[in-house]
Amino acid sequence: MTTSSPTPEQQSAACEDTDGRLLSRRTALVGGVSIAALAGLAACSSSERTKPAAAEHNLDDQSQADDVLPTETQDSRPVPGPPLITGSFASAKMLGRHTRWAVARPNGVTGKLPVVVVLHALNTNERTIFNRKLQMQNVLQAYVEDGNPPFALAAVDGSTNYWHRRANGADAGAMVLDEFLPMLAGNPQLNLSTERIGLYGWSMGGYGALRLASLVGAPRVAAVSVSSPALWADPHVYPPRAFDSFEDYQASSLYGQQKAFAKIPTMITIGTSDQFFTYTRQWAAELHPPAAFSATAGGHTNRYWRSMLPDHVQFLGRNLAR
């Protein structure tokens, strides 16, 4: 079932953003030089095994559990810009869960479009990227109006699953690949092509986008672009919200998987005050060829993510058009 509706505003997914305007600043990207400078960094590890629950408790005590965002709430006020096409399906991969999705196509564009699949952060949902605080659909609209090739944005609700198979059998990553993408391709109202896709995500969704890119690979993944990916470098220190066990971490972690990105154009942005800054640059240092890597002032907040969206849209659009 699909319905057309204007995008509702939702409250901030992070509590530090008090400015509702869409920032237009373009941030310069740091390429191979920055990555090369990081190559000598050693991966962070613990001298002794630490229980995951204790690790999470320690992070929370220090107010550093930056992937734990306030739970998303609804706001009925519309957001100007391209309308959303919304719908839902019962997902077998999510144990029959009612799973919502939302698609934005730029205004003034007809015909079949390539698509960027958007994976959301923890405690947010499929509408968050389109809310008043982020407005990715309006960043895309400005990009298209500047004369660039159009594409669509498609987001789906992965709950708090962390985009991989969990102990209860639910698997939001498999839901995206086995259910959501076929639905996008088969829905004539959407008129989307999924032969080559882009992937974008932030925080939990940044990890998820990288993980799905590594599983699908090139050439189907035209590009993956992430902001503040929630990465844990130490196999003995991770929160149970992200991994169920040491074995789950080993099976699902992206550390040691960098070779999977050798043929996938990759962009990573992260604020220098972000909890995941050190882990992310350590991971990115092992990418060959290097990613387009931007490390600028900012934290794990909507303000930072919004400021980076124009760069992500440009990167994704450029690679989808190739």
Protein backbone atom coordinates (compact mmCIF):
# COMPACT_ATOMS: atom_id res chain seq x y z
CA MET A 1 0.00 0.00 0.00
CA THR A 2 1.34 3.43 -0.91
CA THR A 3 0.05 6.91 -0.21
CA SER A 4 1.31 10.35 -1.18
CA SER A 5 1.67 12.80 1.65
CA PRO A 6 3.75 15.82 2.58
CA THR A 7 6.73 15.17 4.82
CA PRO A 8 5.94 15.69 8.52
CA GLU A 9 8.48 17.42 10.70
CA GLN A 10 9.88 15.22 13.39
CA GLN A 11 11.82 16.23 16.44
CA SER A 12 15.60 16.27 16.40
CA ALA A 13 17.41 12.94 16.50
CA ALA A 14 20.08 14.67 18.54
CA CYS A 15 19.65 17.25 21.26
CA GLU A 16 22.34 19.80 20.43
CA ASP A 17 20.75 21.29 17.28
CA THR A 18 18.76 24.49 17.84
CA ASP A 19 19.00 25.97 14.35
CA GLY A 20 16.22 24.85 11.97
CA ARG A 21 17.77 26.30 8.83
CA LEU A 22 19.32 24.14 6.14
CA LEU A 23 23.01 24.99 5.95
CA SER A 24 24.47 25.67 2.52
CA ARG A 25 28.15 25.57 3.44
CA ARG A 26 30.25 23.21 1.36
CA THR A 27 32.96 21.45 3.31
CA ALA A 28 36.26 20.72 1.61
CA LEU A 29 37.00 17.01 1.46
CA VAL A 30 40.28 15.59 2.60
CA GLY A 31 41.36 12.83 0.26
CA GLY A 32 44.35 10.53 0.01
CA VAL A 33 46.73 12.81 1.89
CA SER A 34 44.67 12.64 5.08
CA ILE A 35 44.21 8.91 4.83
CA ALA A 36 47.88 8.35 4.18
CA ALA A 37 48.69 10.34 7.27
CA LEU A 38 46.55 7.96 9.28
CA ALA A 39 48.10 4.78 7.96
CA GLY A 40 50.46 4.49 10.93
CA LEU A 41 47.67 4.46 13.48
CA ALA A 42 47.23 1.20 15.33
CA ALA A 43 43.79 -0.23 15.96
CA CYS A 44 42.45 0.40 19.44
CA SER A 45 42.32 -2.70 21.61
CA SER A 46 41.78 -3.63 25.23
CA SER A 47 44.54 -5.15 27.32
CA GLU A 48 42.01 -7.47 28.91
CA ARG A 49 38.62 -8.78 27.95
CA THR A 50 35.80 -6.48 29.02
CA LYS A 51 32.17 -7.57 29.15
CA PRO A 52 30.01 -5.76 26.56
CA ALA A 53 27.44 -4.68 29.15
CA ALA A 54 30.15 -3.13 31.30
CA ALA A 55 31.56 -1.34 28.26
CA GLU A 56 28.17 0.18 27.44
CA HIS A 57 27.61 1.20 31.06
CA ASN A 58 30.98 2.96 31.07
CA LEU A 59 30.14 4.85 27.88
CA ASP A 60 26.78 5.93 29.25
CA ASP A 61 28.29 7.08 32.54
CA GLN A 62 30.65 9.36 30.60
CA SER A 63 27.84 10.69 28.39
CA GLN A 64 29.74 9.28 25.41
CA ALA A 65 27.22 6.78 24.04
CA ASP A 66 26.70 9.05 21.08
CA ASP A 67 24.77 6.57 18.97
CA VAL A 68 21.98 6.50 21.55
CA LEU A 69 19.86 9.36 20.26
CA PRO A 70 16.58 10.56 21.74
CA THR A 71 13.66 8.44 20.56
CA GLU A 72 12.05 9.89 17.44
CA THR A 73 8.66 11.56 17.89
CA GLN A 74 6.17 12.76 15.31
CA ASP A 75 5.27 16.36 14.40
CA SER A 76 2.33 17.01 12.12
CA ARG A 77 3.65 20.21 10.52
CA PRO A 78 4.65 19.72 6.85
CA VAL A 79 8.14 20.38 5.51
CA PRO A 80 8.25 22.35 2.23
CA GLY A 81 9.85 20.59 -0.71
CA PRO A 82 9.36 17.36 -2.64
CA PRO A 83 6.47 15.31 -1.21
CA LEU A 84 7.02 11.86 0.18
CA ILE A 85 5.53 8.68 -1.20
CA THR A 86 5.01 6.39 1.78
CA GLY A 87 3.93 2.85 2.42
CA SER A 88 4.57 -0.26 4.48
CA PHE A 89 4.92 -4.02 4.24
CA ALA A 90 5.04 -6.98 6.60
CA SER A 91 8.70 -7.98 6.66
CA ALA A 92 9.52 -11.66 7.01
CA LYS A 93 13.16 -10.71 7.67
CA MET A 94 11.97 -8.57 10.60
CA LEU A 95 9.81 -11.42 11.98
CA GLY A 96 6.60 -10.11 10.42
CA ARG A 97 7.07 -6.59 11.75
CA HIS A 98 5.01 -3.78 10.17
CA THR A 99 7.78 -1.96 8.29
CA ARG A 100 7.30 1.57 6.97
CA TRP A 101 9.15 3.20 4.10
CA ALA A 102 9.34 6.63 2.47
CA VAL A 103 10.57 7.74 -0.97
CA ALA A 104 11.33 11.26 -2.21
CA ARG A 105 11.66 12.10 -5.90
CA PRO A 106 12.79 15.62 -6.86
CA ASN A 107 10.07 17.92 -8.13
CA GLY A 108 9.90 18.59 -11.89
CA VAL A 109 11.47 15.26 -12.84
CA THR A 110 9.76 12.42 -14.69
CA GLY A 111 10.91 9.00 -15.86
CA LYS A 112 12.77 6.20 -14.15
CA LEU A 113 15.37 7.32 -11.61
CA PRO A 114 18.28 5.63 -9.88
CA VAL A 115 17.95 5.52 -6.11
CA VAL A 116 19.98 6.08 -2.97
CA VAL A 117 18.90 3.86 -0.08
CA VAL A 118 19.09 5.74 3.24
CA LEU A 119 19.72 3.85 6.49
CA HIS A 120 18.77 5.74 9.64
CA ALA A 121 20.41 6.15 13.03
CA LEU A 122 19.41 4.47 16.29
CA ASN A 123 16.05 5.56 17.75
CA THR A 124 15.10 7.32 14.51
CA ASN A 125 13.08 6.02 11.57
CA GLU A 126 12.39 6.16 7.84
CA ARG A 127 11.13 9.76 8.00
CA THR A 128 13.99 11.24 10.01
CA ILE A 129 16.20 12.09 7.03
CA PHE A 130 13.28 14.07 5.57
CA ASN A 131 12.35 15.98 8.73
CA ARG A 132 12.81 19.71 9.37
CA LYS A 133 16.19 19.16 11.03
CA LEU A 134 17.80 17.31 8.09
CA GLN A 135 15.73 17.78 4.91
CA MET A 136 17.82 15.63 2.59
CA GLN A 137 15.05 15.84 -0.02
CA ASN A 138 15.56 19.62 -0.25
CA VAL A 139 19.33 19.21 -0.53
CA LEU A 140 18.63 16.82 -3.42
CA GLN A 141 16.19 19.30 -4.97
CA ALA A 142 18.80 22.07 -4.94
CA TYR A 143 21.34 19.67 -6.48
CA VAL A 144 18.96 18.82 -9.34
CA GLU A 145 17.99 22.45 -9.90
CA ASP A 146 21.70 23.24 -10.33
CA GLY A 147 21.56 21.07 -13.47
CA ASN A 148 22.82 17.78 -12.07
CA PRO A 149 21.39 14.35 -13.00
CA PRO A 150 18.44 13.49 -10.75
CA PHE A 151 18.00 10.52 -8.46
CA ALA A 152 15.58 9.50 -5.71
CA LEU A 153 15.96 8.86 -1.99
CA ALA A 154 14.40 5.79 -0.34
CA ALA A 155 14.41 5.14 3.41
CA VAL A 156 13.02 2.20 5.39
CA ASP A 157 12.45 1.65 9.10
CA GLY A 158 15.04 -0.76 10.47
CA SER A 159 14.00 -0.22 14.10
CA THR A 160 16.97 -0.61 16.51
CA ASN A 161 18.26 -3.72 14.73
CA TYR A 162 21.66 -2.25 13.77
CA TRP A 163 21.21 -3.48 10.19
CA HIS A 164 22.45 -7.05 10.72
CA ARG A 165 21.07 -10.37 11.93
CA ARG A 166 20.39 -10.41 15.67
CA ALA A 167 19.99 -13.20 18.19
CA ASN A 168 16.20 -13.16 17.88
CA GLY A 169 16.45 -13.83 14.13
CA ALA A 170 15.48 -10.33 12.95
CA ASP A 171 17.75 -8.93 10.23
CA ALA A 172 17.20 -5.37 8.98
CA GLY A 173 20.09 -5.67 6.54
CA ALA A 174 18.52 -8.69 4.85
CA MET A 175 15.20 -6.83 4.89
CA VAL A 176 16.77 -4.05 2.81
CA LEU A 177 18.41 -6.39 0.32
CA ASP A 178 15.77 -9.12 0.00
CA GLU A 179 12.52 -7.17 0.51
CA PHE A 180 12.90 -3.41 0.28
CA LEU A 181 14.99 -3.22 -2.89
CA PRO A 182 12.72 -5.64 -4.82
CA MET A 183 9.70 -3.65 -3.65
CA LEU A 184 11.26 -0.40 -4.92
CA ALA A 185 12.01 -1.98 -8.29
CA GLY A 186 8.56 -3.50 -8.66
CA ASN A 187 6.42 -0.51 -7.67
CA PRO A 188 5.33 1.35 -10.84
CA GLN A 189 4.26 4.41 -8.82
CA LEU A 190 7.85 4.90 -7.68
CA ASN A 191 9.42 4.30 -11.13
CA LEU A 192 12.87 3.51 -9.74
CA SER A 193 15.81 1.50 -11.02
CA THR A 194 17.76 -0.60 -8.52
CA GLU A 195 20.28 -2.07 -10.94
CA ARG A 196 22.87 0.36 -9.58
CA ILE A 197 22.23 1.94 -6.20
CA GLY A 198 23.78 4.40 -3.82
CA LEU A 199 23.88 3.88 -0.06
CA TYR A 200 23.81 6.61 2.57
CA GLY A 201 23.56 6.36 6.36
CA TRP A 202 24.50 8.15 9.55
CA SER A 203 25.52 6.81 12.98
CA MET A 204 23.98 3.30 13.23
CA GLY A 205 22.91 3.74 9.61
CA GLY A 206 26.44 4.71 8.61
CA TYR A 207 27.69 1.38 9.89
CA GLY A 208 24.75 -0.30 8.16
CA ALA A 209 25.38 1.37 4.81
CA LEU A 210 29.03 0.32 4.87
CA ARG A 211 28.07 -3.21 5.83
CA LEU A 212 25.52 -3.58 3.03
CA ALA A 213 27.98 -2.08 0.54
CA SER A 214 30.55 -4.71 1.53
CA LEU A 215 27.99 -7.48 1.05
CA VAL A 216 26.59 -6.31 -2.30
CA GLY A 217 29.79 -4.89 -3.79
CA ALA A 218 30.51 -3.20 -7.10
CA PRO A 219 29.19 -2.63 -9.68
CA ARG A 220 25.69 -2.74 -8.19
CA VAL A 221 26.76 -0.37 -5.41
CA ALA A 222 27.70 2.73 -7.38
CA ALA A 223 28.82 4.55 -4.21
CA VAL A 224 28.47 4.47 -0.43
CA SER A 225 28.54 7.70 1.55
CA VAL A 226 28.31 7.81 5.35
CA SER A 227 28.40 10.32 8.17
CA SER A 228 29.62 9.51 11.69
CA PRO A 229 29.43 5.72 11.28
CA ALA A 230 28.98 3.88 14.58
CA LEU A 231 32.10 1.72 14.55
CA TRP A 232 33.73 -0.09 17.48
CA ALA A 233 37.33 -1.13 16.91
CA ASP A 234 37.84 -3.30 19.99
CA PRO A 235 36.31 -6.80 19.72
CA HIS A 236 36.00 -6.92 23.51
CA VAL A 237 34.43 -3.51 24.07
CA TYR A 238 31.12 -2.93 22.32
CA PRO A 239 27.55 -2.24 23.46
CA PRO A 240 24.94 -5.02 23.31
CA ARG A 241 22.63 -2.68 21.41
CA ALA A 242 25.05 -3.14 18.47
CA PHE A 243 26.19 -6.76 18.84
CA ASP A 244 24.73 -9.70 20.75
CA SER A 245 27.98 -11.49 21.55
CA PHE A 246 31.68 -11.68 20.83
CA GLU A 247 30.85 -14.10 18.00
CA ASP A 248 28.28 -11.67 16.61
CA TYR A 249 30.88 -8.90 16.66
CA GLN A 250 33.34 -11.09 14.77
CA ALA A 251 30.71 -11.97 12.16
CA SER A 252 29.36 -8.44 11.70
CA SER A 253 32.22 -6.03 12.36
CA LEU A 254 33.67 -4.10 9.43
CA TYR A 255 37.22 -4.22 10.76
CA GLY A 256 39.26 -6.44 8.48
CA GLN A 257 36.70 -6.04 5.68
CA GLN A 258 38.23 -3.00 3.96
CA LYS A 259 39.22 -4.99 0.86
CA ALA A 260 35.52 -5.24 -0.02
CA PHE A 261 35.58 -1.49 -0.81
CA ALA A 262 38.41 -1.60 -3.33
CA LYS A 263 36.04 -0.98 -6.24
CA ILE A 264 33.31 0.98 -4.41
CA PRO A 265 33.63 4.79 -4.35
CA THR A 266 33.41 5.62 -0.65
CA MET A 267 32.92 8.88 1.22
CA ILE A 268 33.18 9.29 5.00
CA THR A 269 32.53 12.44 7.02
CA ILE A 270 32.90 12.71 10.77
CA GLY A 271 33.21 15.49 13.32
CA THR A 272 36.45 15.76 15.26
CA SER A 273 34.48 15.83 18.53
CA ASP A 274 32.55 12.66 17.68
CA GLN A 275 32.95 9.61 19.92
CA PHE A 276 33.59 7.52 16.79
CA PHE A 277 36.23 9.81 15.29
CA THR A 278 39.28 7.72 16.28
CA TYR A 279 37.66 4.41 15.42
CA THR A 280 36.46 5.72 12.05
CA ARG A 281 39.77 7.16 10.93
CA GLN A 282 41.54 3.95 11.99
CA TRP A 283 39.12 1.96 9.86
CA ALA A 284 39.39 4.37 6.90
CA ALA A 285 43.19 4.24 7.01
CA GLU A 286 43.02 0.68 5.71
CA LEU A 287 40.95 1.54 2.61
CA HIS A 288 42.81 1.20 -0.68
CA PRO A 289 42.18 3.27 -2.69
CA PRO A 290 41.49 5.80 0.05
CA ALA A 291 38.01 7.13 0.70
CA ALA A 292 37.00 10.74 0.29
CA PHE A 293 37.46 11.51 3.99
CA SER A 294 36.36 14.70 5.73
CA ALA A 295 37.12 15.41 9.39
CA THR A 296 35.91 18.84 10.47
CA ALA A 297 34.65 20.46 13.65
CA GLY A 298 31.45 18.92 14.90
CA GLY A 299 29.87 16.25 17.05
CA HIS A 300 27.31 13.48 16.77
CA THR A 301 24.46 15.91 16.09
CA ASN A 302 21.90 16.97 13.51
CA ARG A 303 23.76 20.23 13.07
CA TYR A 304 26.84 18.37 11.87
CA TRP A 305 24.96 15.83 9.73
CA ARG A 306 22.93 18.52 8.01
CA SER A 307 26.03 20.55 7.19
CA MET A 308 27.54 17.52 5.43
CA LEU A 309 24.49 16.53 3.37
CA PRO A 310 25.29 18.70 0.30
CA ASP A 311 28.66 16.96 -0.01
CA HIS A 312 27.08 13.52 0.33
CA VAL A 313 24.40 14.28 -2.27
CA GLN A 314 27.03 15.54 -4.73
CA PHE A 315 29.23 12.48 -4.18
CA LEU A 316 26.36 10.03 -4.60
CA GLY A 317 24.89 11.81 -7.59
CA ARG A 318 28.21 12.04 -9.39
CA ASN A 319 28.86 8.32 -9.03
CA LEU A 320 25.31 7.22 -9.86
CA ALA A 321 25.53 9.19 -13.11
CA ARG A 322 28.65 7.36 -14.29
